[in-house]
Amino acid sequence: MVNAETLRAKLLAWYDAGARDLAWRVGPADNRAGVRADPYRVWLSEVMLQQTTVPHATPYFLKFTARWPTVMDLAAEEDGEVMAAWAGLGYYARARNLLACARAVARDHGGVFPNSEEGLRALPGLGPYTAAAVSAIAFDRPTNVVDGNVERVMSRLFAIEEALPDGKTELKRLAGALVRDERPGDWAQALMDLGATVCRPKSPLCDRCPVSEFCAGLAGGEPETYPRKAAKVARPHRNGVAYILTRGHEVALIRRPPKGLLGGMLALPTSDWRAIGWDDQEALAAAPVGADWRAVGEVEHVFTHFSLTLRLLRADGDADGFIWTPRAGLDALPSVFLKAARAGLSNLL
């Protein structure tokens, strides 16, 4: 049986003693003294941390906040500059949503984020989780902040047998039952820290858990088996051709359409991506310009919903309509195209 008040007291004491030092976080002592986190920094960090680890996101966060220290600064920037700065974080729809939200805050709210969950939820591209997180962490509102870490903690505490994703509703209900008006921002971050550092997906450190006495999963002897997960559906596979056109030390890039996968990002020209492979004749016919194209290998890449094989063709030439970019400047490409460019150019001086 979980005693909610005792569990909360123990977890908050643990958080007070050892909260993670994160670039966007106001520590528990400062928070209790009335210092609040900057909503812009909380929002930016939460968007970056979707599908991304803290160590990977932190340098991007520092770069963004140095270049665009306020939401007004970000809102005024050109799309291409923000998309280029985002390159390497993946899930590029997040960057487009980031700009849409920043511009709505600047245009409709005078550069000030709404201080309620409902007001935040009304912003474009800002979903239920992020609205709850910003409301709790930046404004100390008693919202129910449930990410993957919190789902894992709840599933183990209560030994929930219903598999994900169907079990998410029950896990959210259980998490909500532990939310109080007292220190809601610290509570949300304490749960996240517990899931990230102790109640880990694999090899949980149960001997270091401040609330292990309440954990039904641990009592059953197999806490690491929670949350239960439904069998994975096989990821579909697609095939395409990437074209690496060089002009001296420059490479021809394009800007992908604003909508869809990798929308608005710089990219290598490619064929369509389809289930069946591309033979030599088809690959040449789909090339962006006529040139002496030669095969230089292939690369594999895995997206969230499908995997991809890209055949690589390279040629020397010159043509209008491309964004000619020095080879040293290709780091702004999304990872799939950076991988393809590096492989296709690897034998050039």
Protein backbone atom coordinates (compact mmCIF):
# COMPACT_ATOMS: atom_id res chain seq x y z
CA MET A 1 0.00 0.00 0.00
CA VAL A 2 1.37 3.39 -1.05
CA ASN A 3 1.10 6.11 1.57
CA ALA A 4 1.03 9.15 -0.72
CA GLU A 5 2.12 11.74 1.83
CA THR A 6 5.04 9.69 3.14
CA LEU A 7 6.12 8.83 -0.39
CA ARG A 8 6.01 12.50 -1.41
CA ALA A 9 7.99 13.58 1.65
CA LYS A 10 10.71 11.00 1.05
CA LEU A 11 11.03 11.70 -2.66
CA LEU A 12 11.14 15.48 -2.19
CA ALA A 13 13.78 15.11 0.55
CA TRP A 14 15.83 12.96 -1.83
CA TYR A 15 15.44 15.60 -4.55
CA ASP A 16 16.43 18.39 -2.16
CA ALA A 17 19.63 16.54 -1.30
CA GLY A 18 20.72 15.61 -4.81
CA ALA A 19 18.75 17.24 -7.62
CA ARG A 20 20.50 17.11 -10.97
CA ASP A 21 22.28 20.32 -11.95
CA LEU A 22 20.74 21.05 -15.35
CA ALA A 23 21.36 24.14 -17.47
CA TRP A 24 17.67 25.09 -17.55
CA ARG A 25 16.80 24.23 -13.97
CA VAL A 26 16.33 26.35 -10.86
CA GLY A 27 17.46 24.22 -7.92
CA PRO A 28 15.07 23.22 -5.11
CA ALA A 29 16.56 25.63 -2.56
CA ASP A 30 16.16 28.60 -4.90
CA ASN A 31 12.68 27.44 -5.87
CA ARG A 32 11.59 27.31 -2.22
CA ALA A 33 12.98 30.84 -1.84
CA GLY A 34 10.63 32.02 -4.59
CA VAL A 35 13.02 31.99 -7.55
CA ARG A 36 11.19 30.69 -10.61
CA ALA A 37 12.64 29.15 -13.72
CA ASP A 38 12.43 31.17 -16.93
CA PRO A 39 9.42 29.78 -18.88
CA TYR A 40 11.31 30.25 -22.14
CA ARG A 41 14.20 28.12 -20.95
CA VAL A 42 11.90 25.46 -19.48
CA TRP A 43 9.86 25.29 -22.69
CA LEU A 44 12.96 25.18 -24.91
CA SER A 45 14.52 22.40 -22.82
CA GLU A 46 11.35 20.33 -22.82
CA VAL A 47 11.03 20.55 -26.60
CA MET A 48 14.68 19.57 -27.04
CA LEU A 49 14.40 16.68 -24.59
CA GLN A 50 11.60 14.99 -26.51
CA GLN A 51 13.23 11.81 -27.89
CA THR A 52 16.67 13.16 -26.89
CA THR A 53 18.93 12.58 -23.89
CA VAL A 54 20.05 15.27 -21.48
CA PRO A 55 23.77 14.96 -22.46
CA HIS A 56 22.90 15.30 -26.15
CA ALA A 57 20.42 18.15 -25.71
CA THR A 58 22.46 20.30 -23.31
CA PRO A 59 25.01 21.69 -25.84
CA TYR A 60 22.16 22.60 -28.18
CA PHE A 61 20.31 24.32 -25.34
CA LEU A 62 23.38 26.35 -24.43
CA LYS A 63 23.96 27.29 -28.06
CA PHE A 64 20.33 28.32 -28.57
CA THR A 65 20.10 30.40 -25.40
CA ALA A 66 23.40 32.14 -26.13
CA ARG A 67 22.28 33.03 -29.65
CA TRP A 68 18.59 33.65 -28.84
CA PRO A 69 18.40 34.51 -25.12
CA THR A 70 14.67 35.35 -25.18
CA VAL A 71 11.62 34.03 -26.95
CA MET A 72 11.42 37.36 -28.82
CA ASP A 73 14.92 36.81 -30.19
CA LEU A 74 14.01 33.33 -31.37
CA ALA A 75 10.72 34.49 -32.88
CA ALA A 76 12.52 37.11 -34.98
CA GLU A 77 15.03 34.66 -36.50
CA GLU A 78 14.80 33.27 -40.03
CA ASP A 79 13.51 29.71 -40.35
CA GLY A 80 16.66 28.46 -42.07
CA GLU A 81 18.94 29.69 -39.30
CA VAL A 82 16.94 27.92 -36.61
CA MET A 83 16.63 24.73 -38.65
CA ALA A 84 20.38 24.71 -39.23
CA ALA A 85 21.07 25.20 -35.51
CA TRP A 86 18.70 22.32 -34.77
CA ALA A 87 20.51 19.91 -37.10
CA GLY A 88 21.61 16.83 -35.20
CA LEU A 89 18.76 16.89 -32.67
CA GLY A 90 16.44 14.98 -35.01
CA TYR A 91 12.64 14.98 -35.18
CA TYR A 92 12.71 18.21 -37.16
CA ALA A 93 8.99 18.89 -36.83
CA ARG A 94 9.93 19.99 -33.30
CA ALA A 95 12.01 22.84 -34.74
CA ARG A 96 9.15 24.00 -36.94
CA ASN A 97 6.78 23.84 -33.96
CA LEU A 98 9.36 25.71 -31.88
CA LEU A 99 9.30 28.64 -34.27
CA ALA A 100 5.52 28.62 -34.58
CA CYS A 101 5.13 28.71 -30.80
CA ALA A 102 7.80 31.40 -30.29
CA ARG A 103 6.15 33.63 -32.88
CA ALA A 104 2.72 33.14 -31.32
CA VAL A 105 4.10 34.11 -27.88
CA ALA A 106 5.76 37.17 -29.42
CA ARG A 107 2.79 38.18 -31.55
CA ASP A 108 -0.16 37.35 -29.31
CA HIS A 109 1.28 37.56 -25.78
CA GLY A 110 3.91 40.30 -25.97
CA GLY A 111 6.73 37.82 -25.46
CA VAL A 112 5.31 36.51 -22.17
CA PHE A 113 4.30 32.86 -21.88
CA PRO A 114 0.80 32.19 -20.50
CA ASN A 115 1.04 31.05 -16.89
CA SER A 116 -1.67 28.39 -16.96
CA GLU A 117 -1.75 24.92 -18.43
CA GLU A 118 -4.79 25.86 -20.52
CA GLY A 119 -3.14 28.99 -21.89
CA LEU A 120 0.05 27.13 -22.73
CA ARG A 121 -1.90 24.32 -24.37
CA ALA A 122 -3.47 26.85 -26.73
CA LEU A 123 -0.08 27.75 -28.21
CA PRO A 124 0.74 26.12 -31.56
CA GLY A 125 2.90 23.01 -31.41
CA LEU A 126 2.77 22.81 -27.62
CA GLY A 127 1.23 19.50 -26.55
CA PRO A 128 -0.32 18.35 -23.27
CA TYR A 129 2.92 17.10 -21.72
CA THR A 130 4.93 20.24 -22.48
CA ALA A 131 2.10 22.50 -21.30
CA ALA A 132 1.92 20.60 -18.01
CA ALA A 133 5.70 20.67 -17.58
CA VAL A 134 6.09 24.40 -18.22
CA SER A 135 3.08 25.18 -16.02
CA ALA A 136 4.49 23.14 -13.12
CA ILE A 137 8.20 23.95 -13.40
CA ALA A 138 8.06 27.61 -14.43
CA PHE A 139 4.83 28.68 -12.69
CA ASP A 140 4.56 26.13 -9.85
CA ARG A 141 1.08 25.06 -10.89
CA PRO A 142 -0.16 21.65 -9.66
CA THR A 143 -0.26 19.94 -13.05
CA ASN A 144 0.23 16.26 -13.81
CA VAL A 145 3.55 15.99 -15.66
CA VAL A 146 3.95 12.51 -17.11
CA ASP A 147 6.85 11.61 -19.39
CA GLY A 148 8.45 8.23 -20.03
CA ASN A 149 10.41 8.41 -16.79
CA VAL A 150 7.28 9.05 -14.75
CA GLU A 151 5.39 6.28 -16.55
CA ARG A 152 8.16 3.86 -15.64
CA VAL A 153 8.17 4.92 -11.98
CA MET A 154 4.38 4.57 -11.71
CA SER A 155 4.32 1.22 -13.47
CA ARG A 156 6.85 -0.19 -10.99
CA LEU A 157 5.44 1.44 -7.89
CA PHE A 158 2.01 -0.04 -8.59
CA ALA A 159 3.07 -3.12 -10.63
CA ILE A 160 0.73 -2.25 -13.48
CA GLU A 161 0.21 -5.25 -15.74
CA GLU A 162 -1.55 -3.48 -18.60
CA ALA A 163 0.95 -3.11 -21.44
CA LEU A 164 1.90 0.15 -23.07
CA PRO A 165 0.59 2.03 -24.88
CA ASP A 166 -2.85 1.01 -23.56
CA GLY A 167 -1.66 1.36 -19.97
CA LYS A 168 -0.77 5.05 -20.33
CA THR A 169 -4.18 6.23 -19.15
CA GLU A 170 -3.92 4.32 -15.87
CA LEU A 171 -0.32 5.42 -15.31
CA LYS A 172 -1.33 9.04 -15.81
CA ARG A 173 -4.20 8.63 -13.37
CA LEU A 174 -1.89 7.16 -10.73
CA ALA A 175 0.64 9.96 -11.20
CA GLY A 176 -2.10 12.56 -10.94
CA ALA A 177 -3.22 11.16 -7.60
CA LEU A 178 0.19 12.09 -6.16
CA VAL A 179 0.15 15.73 -7.29
CA ARG A 180 -0.43 18.35 -4.59
CA ASP A 181 -0.47 22.13 -4.35
CA GLU A 182 2.75 21.89 -2.34
CA ARG A 183 5.90 22.25 -4.51
CA PRO A 184 4.39 20.92 -7.76
CA GLY A 185 7.37 22.01 -9.87
CA ASP A 186 9.87 20.30 -7.60
CA TRP A 187 7.63 17.24 -7.43
CA ALA A 188 7.52 16.92 -11.22
CA GLN A 189 11.30 17.24 -11.47
CA ALA A 190 11.89 14.84 -8.58
CA LEU A 191 9.89 12.14 -10.38
CA MET A 192 11.81 12.79 -13.58
CA ASP A 193 15.14 12.61 -11.76
CA LEU A 194 14.14 9.38 -10.04
CA GLY A 195 13.26 7.77 -13.36
CA ALA A 196 16.37 9.07 -15.13
CA THR A 197 18.98 8.20 -12.49
CA VAL A 198 17.61 5.42 -10.25
CA CYS A 199 14.49 3.81 -11.69
CA ARG A 200 16.27 3.28 -14.98
CA PRO A 201 14.86 1.25 -17.89
CA LYS A 202 17.52 -1.43 -17.39
CA SER A 203 19.26 -2.42 -14.16
CA PRO A 204 17.29 -0.11 -11.84
CA LEU A 205 19.24 0.92 -8.74
CA CYS A 206 16.59 -0.18 -6.28
CA ASP A 207 19.01 -0.09 -3.35
CA ARG A 208 19.34 3.68 -3.89
CA CYS A 209 15.65 4.40 -4.33
CA PRO A 210 14.16 6.66 -1.64
CA VAL A 211 10.70 5.13 -2.08
CA SER A 212 11.59 1.46 -2.62
CA GLU A 213 9.53 0.45 0.42
CA PHE A 214 6.39 1.36 -1.54
CA CYS A 215 7.37 -0.38 -4.78
CA ALA A 216 5.11 -3.30 -5.69
CA GLY A 217 7.34 -4.13 -8.64
CA LEU A 218 10.34 -4.56 -6.36
CA ALA A 219 8.27 -6.57 -3.89
CA GLY A 220 7.39 -8.93 -6.73
CA GLY A 221 11.08 -9.45 -7.48
CA GLU A 222 11.16 -8.20 -11.11
CA PRO A 223 10.91 -4.40 -11.19
CA GLU A 224 12.88 -4.19 -14.44
CA THR A 225 10.08 -5.99 -16.29
CA TYR A 226 7.83 -2.94 -15.86
CA PRO A 227 6.32 -1.22 -17.70
CA ARG A 228 4.87 -4.09 -19.68
CA LYS A 229 5.07 -3.47 -23.40
CA ALA A 230 3.05 -4.80 -26.30
CA ALA A 231 4.91 -6.72 -28.99
CA LYS A 232 6.59 -4.38 -31.44
CA VAL A 233 5.24 -4.14 -34.96
CA ALA A 234 7.90 -4.66 -37.60
CA ARG A 235 9.28 -1.35 -38.87
CA PRO A 236 8.73 -0.93 -42.63
CA HIS A 237 11.74 -0.41 -44.89
CA ARG A 238 12.19 2.09 -47.70
CA ASN A 239 14.78 2.59 -50.41
CA GLY A 240 16.06 5.69 -52.12
CA VAL A 241 18.97 7.26 -53.95
CA ALA A 242 20.99 10.25 -52.73
CA TYR A 243 22.88 12.34 -55.28
CA ILE A 244 26.17 13.96 -54.31
CA LEU A 245 27.02 16.59 -56.92
CA THR A 246 30.38 18.29 -56.34
CA ARG A 247 31.92 21.44 -57.74
CA GLY A 248 35.47 21.61 -56.50
CA HIS A 249 35.18 21.62 -52.72
CA GLU A 250 31.47 22.47 -52.77
CA VAL A 251 28.47 20.16 -52.63
CA ALA A 252 25.03 20.79 -54.14
CA LEU A 253 22.26 20.91 -51.54
CA ILE A 254 18.56 21.62 -51.71
CA ARG A 255 16.00 22.92 -49.23
CA ARG A 256 13.31 20.31 -48.57
CA PRO A 257 9.65 21.38 -48.75
CA PRO A 258 8.38 23.02 -45.54
CA LYS A 259 5.90 20.24 -44.79
CA GLY A 260 6.62 16.57 -44.19
CA LEU A 261 9.63 14.60 -42.99
CA LEU A 262 12.70 16.81 -42.50
CA GLY A 263 10.63 19.73 -43.77
CA GLY A 264 12.52 22.96 -44.35
CA MET A 265 15.92 21.32 -43.81
CA LEU A 266 18.97 21.45 -46.06
CA ALA A 267 19.47 18.09 -47.75
CA LEU A 268 21.15 16.20 -50.52
CA PRO A 269 18.94 15.77 -53.58
CA THR A 270 17.26 12.36 -53.48
CA SER A 271 14.87 10.19 -55.38
CA ASP A 272 11.55 9.24 -53.85
CA TRP A 273 11.75 6.78 -50.94
CA ARG A 274 9.79 3.62 -51.65
CA ALA A 275 9.41 0.02 -50.59
CA ILE A 276 11.14 -1.52 -53.62
CA GLY A 277 14.78 -0.93 -54.52
CA TRP A 278 16.13 1.25 -57.33
CA ASP A 279 17.96 -0.33 -60.26
CA ASP A 280 20.74 1.53 -62.09
CA GLN A 281 18.54 2.80 -64.89
CA GLU A 282 15.88 4.10 -62.52
CA ALA A 283 18.48 5.74 -60.28
CA LEU A 284 20.03 7.60 -63.23
CA ALA A 285 16.62 8.65 -64.55
CA ALA A 286 15.74 10.19 -61.17
CA ALA A 287 18.98 12.19 -60.93
CA PRO A 288 18.52 15.95 -60.46
CA VAL A 289 20.81 16.83 -63.40
CA GLY A 290 22.51 15.00 -66.23
CA ALA A 291 26.06 14.09 -65.22
CA ASP A 292 28.50 11.19 -65.10
CA TRP A 293 26.97 9.61 -62.01
CA ARG A 294 28.86 6.74 -60.41
CA ALA A 295 27.97 4.52 -57.51
CA VAL A 296 29.92 5.23 -54.29
CA GLY A 297 28.19 2.94 -51.80
CA GLU A 298 25.11 3.11 -49.64
CA VAL A 299 24.07 4.02 -46.10
CA GLU A 300 21.42 2.77 -43.69
CA HIS A 301 19.37 5.01 -41.44
CA VAL A 302 16.55 4.36 -38.98
CA PHE A 303 13.72 6.84 -38.45
CA THR A 304 11.00 6.45 -35.85
CA HIS A 305 8.51 4.78 -38.17
CA PHE A 306 10.68 3.23 -40.90
CA SER A 307 14.22 2.30 -41.86
CA LEU A 308 15.91 3.54 -45.00
CA THR A 309 18.61 2.39 -47.40
CA LEU A 310 20.08 5.17 -49.54
CA ARG A 311 22.17 4.26 -52.58
CA LEU A 312 24.81 6.92 -53.15
CA LEU A 313 25.65 8.33 -56.57
CA ARG A 314 28.31 11.00 -57.03
CA ALA A 315 29.24 13.21 -59.95
CA ASP A 316 31.25 16.34 -60.66
CA GLY A 317 29.46 19.19 -62.35
CA ASP A 318 27.80 22.56 -62.12
CA ALA A 319 24.16 23.57 -62.27
CA ASP A 320 21.80 26.31 -61.17
CA GLY A 321 19.07 25.84 -58.61
CA PHE A 322 21.22 24.32 -55.88
CA ILE A 323 22.59 25.67 -52.62
CA TRP A 324 26.31 25.21 -53.16
CA THR A 325 27.87 24.56 -49.78
CA PRO A 326 31.53 24.02 -48.82
CA ARG A 327 32.24 20.46 -47.73
CA ALA A 328 33.41 21.85 -44.39
CA GLY A 329 29.94 23.33 -43.86
CA LEU A 330 27.89 20.14 -44.11
CA ASP A 331 27.55 19.64 -40.36
CA ALA A 332 24.25 21.55 -40.48
CA LEU A 333 22.68 18.69 -42.44
CA PRO A 334 20.23 16.31 -40.74
CA SER A 335 21.99 13.14 -39.65
CA VAL A 336 20.73 10.97 -42.52
CA PHE A 337 22.15 13.35 -45.12
CA LEU A 338 25.32 14.07 -43.17
CA LYS A 339 25.90 10.32 -42.98
CA ALA A 340 25.30 9.97 -46.74
CA ALA A 341 27.55 12.93 -47.60
CA ARG A 342 30.41 11.69 -45.44
CA ALA A 343 30.20 8.20 -46.93
CA GLY A 344 29.93 9.47 -50.49
CA LEU A 345 32.83 11.90 -50.14
CA SER A 346 35.09 9.71 -48.03
CA ASN A 347 37.53 8.86 -50.84
CA LEU A 348 37.97 12.45 -52.01
CA LEU A 349 40.84 14.62 -50.82
